[in-house]
Amino acid sequence: ASCFFSFFSRLGVLGKMKRVFFWILIIYVSIPCIIKLVPSIQAKLVFLNFVRMPYFIDLKRPLDQGLNHTHNFYLEPEVGQRVGVWHTVPAHMWREAQGKDGAWYNAELNSAHAVILYLHGNAGTRGGDHRVQLYKVLSSLGYHVITFDYRGWGDSDGSPSEGGMTSDALFMYDWLKQKLDRRPLYIWGHSLGTGVATNLVRRLCDRGAPPDALVLESPFTNIREEAKSHPFSMVYRFLPGFDWFFLDSITANNIRFASDENVHHISCPVLILHAEDDSVVPFHLGKKLFDAASQSKSLSGHKVQFVPFASSLAYKHKFIYRSPELPNILRYRRPPLAVCHMLLFGQFFLGF
């Protein structure tokens, strides 16, 4: 009798396993079909602007994130389209910055220090921890750091799109340029922000006004190659029709972030930073972008540098700011004669 019941209990377990497997299969097959039918879902997965980490952060109070020399304010790239901005002054000015208003911060942009416009990646806000830590490093090196949330991110208005992100970045650049006059202005993009950065710099170069330098941290070649290499795509990567289901849905949303094309229209110094153990944007994509930039005719005569970080350092996708070598990589070393006038102000220069 015990054998009889044992036999049927095993049949019951097998039946449950079959039902679980059946539902997993249904879900596995349904996801590509749903994304194909509703491509806007894929756009949300690219931008992840609805993911706000850390949660409950008050972006109006950068002091809560340990930035006691940062001013929060808002600008309007378009009428009725407000974006949230942080301005962090060089660290040595922190005491002077206490209690100061926006007018003081604006006036300090004319001080003898270079400015970095930082373009963050997807998910989170300008107050994300790894971003805040990078602001602190750059500030300690004597840079003003300007960062903002694209439309649809953080406390900025609107909905995300590649065109909108690029327009917001262009607006911020022009706003800064008007205030800086001849002061050096560098563009730093991270992850998805590298796609925004190359879009921006291509536009600037097309109008004959390139930035002083471009830094790409953990960049990819284009969004299709990045999506195919992303760990989330692993379970579908070898599915017949993967490109049609997933990648074409991204293209249908007019999302390209084609940095490998943009580098052929860029004419300024370029620095690429990438960790070998980056699992979100694989190292080989950053190296491939560097190879494309090295062969770019428009970059001929401009220094293009690739700095890898060994896997043993465990910097992964967003911890390059921890590198003790980063200040040496960024600090002014041996400038070309064309930028020697910058020494008159005793300021830092991206030494690459």
Protein backbone atom coordinates (compact mmCIF):
# COMPACT_ATOMS: atom_id res chain seq x y z
CA ALA A 1 0.00 0.00 0.00
CA SER A 2 2.84 2.37 0.86
CA CYS A 3 4.43 1.75 -2.55
CA PHE A 4 1.06 2.45 -4.16
CA PHE A 5 0.72 5.84 -2.45
CA SER A 6 4.38 6.64 -3.09
CA PHE A 7 3.88 6.01 -6.79
CA PHE A 8 0.91 8.35 -7.01
CA SER A 9 2.62 11.04 -4.93
CA ARG A 10 5.49 10.99 -7.42
CA LEU A 11 2.96 11.33 -10.22
CA GLY A 12 1.50 14.33 -8.38
CA VAL A 13 4.91 16.00 -8.12
CA LEU A 14 5.59 15.35 -11.79
CA GLY A 15 2.21 16.83 -12.66
CA LYS A 16 2.99 19.99 -10.68
CA MET A 17 6.40 20.27 -12.33
CA LYS A 18 4.80 19.94 -15.75
CA ARG A 19 2.31 22.70 -14.94
CA VAL A 20 5.09 24.98 -13.67
CA PHE A 21 7.17 24.29 -16.79
CA PHE A 22 4.12 24.94 -18.98
CA TRP A 23 3.50 28.36 -17.43
CA ILE A 24 7.19 29.27 -17.64
CA LEU A 25 7.10 28.37 -21.33
CA ILE A 26 3.95 30.45 -21.84
CA ILE A 27 5.58 33.47 -20.16
CA TYR A 28 8.85 32.96 -22.06
CA VAL A 29 7.03 32.95 -25.41
CA SER A 30 4.61 35.73 -24.48
CA ILE A 31 7.21 38.36 -23.52
CA PRO A 32 8.74 38.73 -27.03
CA CYS A 33 5.25 38.83 -28.55
CA ILE A 34 4.04 41.50 -26.13
CA ILE A 35 7.14 43.64 -26.73
CA LYS A 36 6.69 43.33 -30.48
CA LEU A 37 3.03 44.32 -30.24
CA VAL A 38 3.72 47.15 -27.76
CA PRO A 39 7.20 48.48 -28.62
CA SER A 40 6.86 51.32 -26.09
CA ILE A 41 7.59 48.68 -23.42
CA GLN A 42 11.05 48.21 -24.91
CA ALA A 43 11.66 51.96 -24.75
CA LYS A 44 10.84 51.91 -21.02
CA LEU A 45 13.32 49.08 -20.55
CA VAL A 46 16.03 51.08 -22.33
CA PHE A 47 15.49 54.26 -20.31
CA LEU A 48 14.37 52.77 -16.96
CA ASN A 49 13.53 56.33 -15.91
CA PHE A 50 10.74 54.98 -13.69
CA VAL A 51 13.35 53.31 -11.48
CA ARG A 52 14.25 55.87 -8.80
CA MET A 53 17.10 54.65 -6.63
CA PRO A 54 17.77 55.56 -3.94
CA TYR A 55 14.08 55.95 -3.13
CA PHE A 56 12.67 58.86 -1.15
CA ILE A 57 15.60 61.15 -1.99
CA ASP A 58 14.79 64.86 -1.98
CA LEU A 59 16.58 66.20 -5.04
CA LYS A 60 16.04 69.74 -3.80
CA ARG A 61 18.45 68.95 -0.96
CA PRO A 62 21.81 67.73 -2.35
CA LEU A 63 23.18 68.30 1.15
CA ASP A 64 21.33 65.12 2.20
CA GLN A 65 23.65 63.22 -0.17
CA GLY A 66 26.77 64.69 1.39
CA LEU A 67 27.12 67.52 -1.14
CA ASN A 68 27.47 70.60 1.07
CA HIS A 69 28.78 72.71 -1.81
CA THR A 70 26.04 72.00 -4.35
CA HIS A 71 23.14 74.16 -5.50
CA ASN A 72 19.86 72.73 -6.83
CA PHE A 73 17.92 74.75 -9.40
CA TYR A 74 15.68 74.37 -12.45
CA LEU A 75 15.89 75.45 -16.07
CA GLU A 76 13.47 75.29 -19.00
CA PRO A 77 14.94 73.86 -22.22
CA GLU A 78 11.48 74.37 -23.72
CA VAL A 79 8.45 76.35 -22.59
CA GLY A 80 6.76 74.41 -19.81
CA GLN A 81 9.53 71.78 -19.82
CA ARG A 82 11.48 72.04 -16.56
CA VAL A 83 14.64 70.05 -15.76
CA GLY A 84 16.36 69.73 -12.39
CA VAL A 85 20.03 70.71 -12.20
CA TRP A 86 22.84 70.43 -9.64
CA HIS A 87 25.92 72.65 -9.64
CA THR A 88 28.81 71.42 -7.46
CA VAL A 89 31.66 73.89 -7.03
CA PRO A 90 35.32 72.82 -6.52
CA ALA A 91 35.77 71.16 -3.14
CA HIS A 92 38.13 73.80 -1.76
CA MET A 93 35.29 76.31 -2.00
CA TRP A 94 32.93 74.32 0.25
CA ARG A 95 33.26 76.64 3.24
CA GLU A 96 32.62 79.73 1.16
CA ALA A 97 29.61 78.03 -0.45
CA GLN A 98 27.69 77.65 2.81
CA GLY A 99 24.40 79.53 2.73
CA LYS A 100 25.01 80.96 -0.74
CA ASP A 101 22.24 81.37 -3.31
CA GLY A 102 22.07 80.72 -7.03
CA ALA A 103 23.54 84.11 -7.94
CA TRP A 104 26.75 83.26 -6.08
CA TYR A 105 27.02 79.85 -7.77
CA ASN A 106 26.46 81.41 -11.20
CA ALA A 107 29.13 84.02 -10.54
CA GLU A 108 31.61 81.32 -9.51
CA LEU A 109 31.34 79.71 -12.95
CA ASN A 110 33.60 82.56 -14.06
CA SER A 111 36.29 81.55 -11.58
CA ALA A 112 39.56 80.06 -12.79
CA HIS A 113 38.33 76.46 -12.87
CA ALA A 114 37.24 74.19 -15.71
CA VAL A 115 33.67 72.85 -15.87
CA ILE A 116 32.44 69.31 -16.50
CA LEU A 117 28.94 68.72 -17.85
CA TYR A 118 28.01 65.24 -16.60
CA LEU A 119 25.44 63.15 -18.50
CA HIS A 120 24.20 60.22 -16.43
CA GLY A 121 22.99 56.83 -17.62
CA ASN A 122 19.58 55.17 -17.39
CA ALA A 123 17.68 54.47 -14.16
CA GLY A 124 17.95 56.53 -11.01
CA THR A 125 18.47 60.27 -10.84
CA ARG A 126 21.24 62.84 -10.61
CA GLY A 127 21.34 61.89 -6.91
CA GLY A 128 22.36 58.25 -7.45
CA ASP A 129 25.13 57.22 -5.06
CA HIS A 130 27.79 56.28 -7.64
CA ARG A 131 27.09 59.55 -9.44
CA VAL A 132 27.40 61.58 -6.24
CA GLN A 133 30.72 59.87 -5.47
CA LEU A 134 32.05 60.84 -8.91
CA TYR A 135 30.95 64.47 -8.41
CA LYS A 136 32.95 64.47 -5.20
CA VAL A 137 36.06 63.12 -6.94
CA LEU A 138 35.83 65.64 -9.78
CA SER A 139 35.11 68.45 -7.34
CA SER A 140 38.17 67.49 -5.28
CA LEU A 141 40.25 67.87 -8.44
CA GLY A 142 39.12 71.47 -8.85
CA TYR A 143 36.29 71.13 -11.36
CA HIS A 144 32.85 72.65 -11.33
CA VAL A 145 30.41 69.78 -11.99
CA ILE A 146 27.06 70.47 -13.65
CA THR A 147 24.64 67.57 -13.83
CA PHE A 148 20.92 67.35 -14.51
CA ASP A 149 18.06 64.91 -14.97
CA TYR A 150 16.84 64.58 -18.55
CA ARG A 151 13.15 65.12 -19.20
CA GLY A 152 11.24 62.24 -17.62
CA TRP A 153 13.93 61.51 -15.00
CA GLY A 154 13.97 62.53 -11.35
CA ASP A 155 12.00 65.73 -10.77
CA SER A 156 12.26 66.87 -14.40
CA ASP A 157 9.10 67.22 -16.48
CA GLY A 158 8.16 65.32 -19.62
CA SER A 159 8.76 61.88 -21.08
CA PRO A 160 12.07 60.36 -22.20
CA SER A 161 13.27 59.98 -25.77
CA GLU A 162 16.67 59.99 -27.41
CA GLY A 163 15.91 63.24 -29.18
CA GLY A 164 14.66 64.85 -25.99
CA MET A 165 17.70 63.76 -23.99
CA THR A 166 20.03 65.14 -26.64
CA SER A 167 18.09 68.42 -26.84
CA ASP A 168 18.26 68.82 -23.06
CA ALA A 169 22.02 68.19 -23.11
CA LEU A 170 22.50 70.72 -25.93
CA PHE A 171 20.48 73.30 -24.01
CA MET A 172 22.58 72.74 -20.88
CA TYR A 173 25.81 73.04 -22.88
CA ASP A 174 24.73 76.28 -24.53
CA TRP A 175 23.54 77.67 -21.19
CA LEU A 176 26.94 76.93 -19.67
CA LYS A 177 28.90 78.20 -22.64
CA GLN A 178 27.21 81.58 -22.42
CA LYS A 179 28.27 81.90 -18.79
CA LEU A 180 31.80 80.54 -19.22
CA ASP A 181 32.90 82.68 -22.11
CA ARG A 182 36.34 81.21 -22.93
CA ARG A 183 36.60 78.91 -19.94
CA PRO A 184 37.17 75.21 -20.80
CA LEU A 185 34.08 73.01 -20.80
CA TYR A 186 34.31 69.21 -20.90
CA ILE A 187 31.56 66.67 -21.48
CA TRP A 188 31.46 63.45 -19.46
CA GLY A 189 28.97 60.70 -20.24
CA HIS A 190 28.42 57.42 -18.43
CA SER A 191 26.71 54.30 -19.80
CA LEU A 192 23.57 55.41 -21.70
CA GLY A 193 24.82 58.94 -21.14
CA THR A 194 27.75 58.19 -23.47
CA GLY A 195 25.22 57.85 -26.28
CA VAL A 196 23.75 61.23 -25.35
CA ALA A 197 27.28 62.66 -25.11
CA THR A 198 28.34 61.58 -28.61
CA ASN A 199 25.03 62.82 -30.02
CA LEU A 200 25.67 66.17 -28.35
CA VAL A 201 29.30 66.47 -29.42
CA ARG A 202 28.42 65.52 -32.99
CA ARG A 203 25.91 68.40 -33.08
CA LEU A 204 28.48 70.78 -31.62
CA CYS A 205 31.09 69.73 -34.16
CA ASP A 206 28.60 70.01 -37.00
CA ARG A 207 28.13 73.67 -36.12
CA GLY A 208 31.88 74.20 -35.84
CA ALA A 209 32.07 74.59 -32.06
CA PRO A 210 33.42 71.36 -30.50
CA PRO A 211 33.85 71.07 -26.73
CA ASP A 212 37.30 71.08 -25.16
CA ALA A 213 37.20 67.31 -24.60
CA LEU A 214 34.87 64.31 -24.34
CA VAL A 215 35.05 61.60 -21.66
CA LEU A 216 33.14 58.36 -22.21
CA GLU A 217 32.84 56.11 -19.16
CA SER A 218 31.63 52.55 -19.83
CA PRO A 219 30.47 53.32 -23.39
CA PHE A 220 28.89 51.09 -26.03
CA THR A 221 28.94 51.23 -29.81
CA ASN A 222 25.20 51.54 -30.49
CA ILE A 223 22.03 50.59 -28.65
CA ARG A 224 21.35 47.47 -30.73
CA GLU A 225 24.72 45.95 -29.91
CA GLU A 226 24.40 46.96 -26.27
CA ALA A 227 20.90 45.46 -25.99
CA LYS A 228 22.13 42.20 -27.50
CA SER A 229 25.05 42.10 -25.04
CA HIS A 230 23.07 43.10 -21.96
CA PRO A 231 22.66 40.37 -19.30
CA PHE A 232 18.86 40.76 -19.41
CA SER A 233 18.87 39.54 -23.01
CA MET A 234 20.78 36.38 -22.16
CA VAL A 235 17.69 34.13 -21.99
CA TYR A 236 16.54 35.28 -25.44
CA ARG A 237 19.81 35.98 -27.23
CA PHE A 238 19.78 32.73 -29.20
CA LEU A 239 16.06 32.73 -29.84
CA PRO A 240 15.28 32.70 -33.58
CA GLY A 241 14.01 36.15 -34.46
CA PHE A 242 15.69 37.86 -31.49
CA ASP A 243 16.58 40.92 -33.59
CA TRP A 244 13.04 41.15 -34.99
CA PHE A 245 11.34 40.80 -31.61
CA PHE A 246 13.63 42.93 -29.45
CA LEU A 247 16.11 45.04 -31.40
CA ASP A 248 13.70 46.16 -34.10
CA SER A 249 11.32 47.22 -31.31
CA ILE A 250 14.03 49.54 -30.00
CA THR A 251 14.56 51.00 -33.47
CA ALA A 252 10.78 51.44 -33.83
CA ASN A 253 10.99 53.88 -30.91
CA ASN A 254 13.61 55.90 -32.81
CA ILE A 255 16.30 54.92 -30.30
CA ARG A 256 19.75 54.46 -31.83
CA PHE A 257 22.48 56.07 -29.71
CA ALA A 258 24.90 55.35 -32.54
CA SER A 259 28.21 56.37 -30.97
CA ASP A 260 30.14 54.26 -33.50
CA GLU A 261 28.72 56.52 -36.22
CA ASN A 262 29.05 59.72 -34.22
CA VAL A 263 32.80 59.33 -33.67
CA HIS A 264 33.26 59.86 -37.42
CA HIS A 265 31.79 63.36 -37.01
CA ILE A 266 33.58 64.38 -33.80
CA SER A 267 36.67 66.59 -33.70
CA CYS A 268 37.93 66.97 -30.12
CA PRO A 269 40.09 64.94 -27.70
CA VAL A 270 38.36 61.74 -26.55
CA LEU A 271 39.05 59.67 -23.44
CA ILE A 272 37.37 56.27 -22.96
CA LEU A 273 37.31 54.60 -19.53
CA HIS A 274 36.11 51.00 -19.19
CA ALA A 275 36.36 48.25 -16.58
CA GLU A 276 37.13 44.75 -17.87
CA ASP A 277 34.56 43.22 -15.49
CA ASP A 278 31.69 45.43 -16.64
CA SER A 279 28.74 43.06 -17.12
CA VAL A 280 26.17 45.72 -18.05
CA VAL A 281 28.10 47.26 -20.96
CA PRO A 282 30.68 44.62 -21.87
CA PHE A 283 34.30 45.71 -22.12
CA HIS A 284 34.57 44.61 -25.75
CA LEU A 285 31.99 47.23 -26.79
CA GLY A 286 34.07 50.02 -25.29
CA LYS A 287 37.16 48.66 -27.03
CA LYS A 288 35.26 48.40 -30.31
CA LEU A 289 34.17 52.03 -30.00
CA PHE A 290 37.77 53.04 -29.34
CA ASP A 291 38.88 51.17 -32.47
CA ALA A 292 36.27 53.05 -34.50
CA ALA A 293 37.35 56.38 -33.00
CA SER A 294 41.02 55.59 -33.71
CA GLN A 295 40.19 55.21 -37.40
CA SER A 296 38.00 58.32 -37.58
CA LYS A 297 39.23 60.93 -40.04
CA SER A 298 37.47 63.69 -38.10
CA LEU A 299 39.47 62.74 -34.99
CA SER A 300 42.77 62.80 -36.86
CA GLY A 301 45.02 65.22 -35.03
CA HIS A 302 43.11 64.83 -31.76
CA LYS A 303 44.25 62.51 -29.03
CA VAL A 304 42.04 59.45 -28.57
CA GLN A 305 42.88 57.42 -25.47
CA PHE A 306 41.50 54.18 -24.03
CA VAL A 307 42.10 53.41 -20.35
CA PRO A 308 41.13 49.89 -19.22
CA PHE A 309 40.68 48.87 -15.59
CA ALA A 310 41.58 45.30 -14.68
CA SER A 311 38.89 42.87 -13.49
CA SER A 312 40.81 42.37 -10.25
CA LEU A 313 39.89 45.94 -9.27
CA ALA A 314 36.17 45.04 -9.31
CA TYR A 315 35.06 48.45 -10.63
CA LYS A 316 32.38 46.79 -12.76
CA HIS A 317 29.93 49.17 -14.45
CA LYS A 318 29.80 52.16 -12.13
CA PHE A 319 32.69 52.20 -9.69
CA ILE A 320 35.55 53.60 -11.78
CA TYR A 321 35.38 56.67 -9.55
CA ARG A 322 37.09 54.51 -6.89
CA SER A 323 40.30 54.29 -8.92
CA PRO A 324 43.21 56.07 -7.21
CA GLU A 325 44.61 56.58 -10.71
CA LEU A 326 41.65 58.63 -11.89
CA PRO A 327 43.10 61.96 -10.68
CA ASN A 328 46.33 61.22 -12.57
CA ILE A 329 44.38 60.29 -15.69
CA LEU A 330 42.44 63.55 -15.59
CA ARG A 331 45.02 65.93 -14.21
CA TYR A 332 46.92 68.24 -16.51
CA ARG A 333 50.27 66.77 -17.65
CA ARG A 334 51.96 67.96 -20.87
CA PRO A 335 49.62 70.24 -22.82
CA PRO A 336 49.93 71.12 -26.50
CA LEU A 337 50.87 74.74 -27.15
CA ALA A 338 47.31 75.49 -28.20
CA VAL A 339 46.12 75.16 -24.62
CA CYS A 340 49.09 76.65 -22.79
CA HIS A 341 47.05 79.79 -22.10
CA MET A 342 45.07 77.70 -19.62
CA LEU A 343 48.10 77.57 -17.35
CA LEU A 344 47.71 81.27 -16.69
CA PHE A 345 44.70 80.46 -14.55
CA GLY A 346 46.46 77.58 -12.71
CA GLN A 347 43.55 75.28 -13.51
CA PHE A 348 43.26 71.59 -14.24
CA PHE A 349 43.10 70.26 -17.74
CA LEU A 350 42.15 66.83 -18.97
CA GLY A 351 45.61 65.46 -19.69
CA PHE A 352 45.04 63.15 -22.61
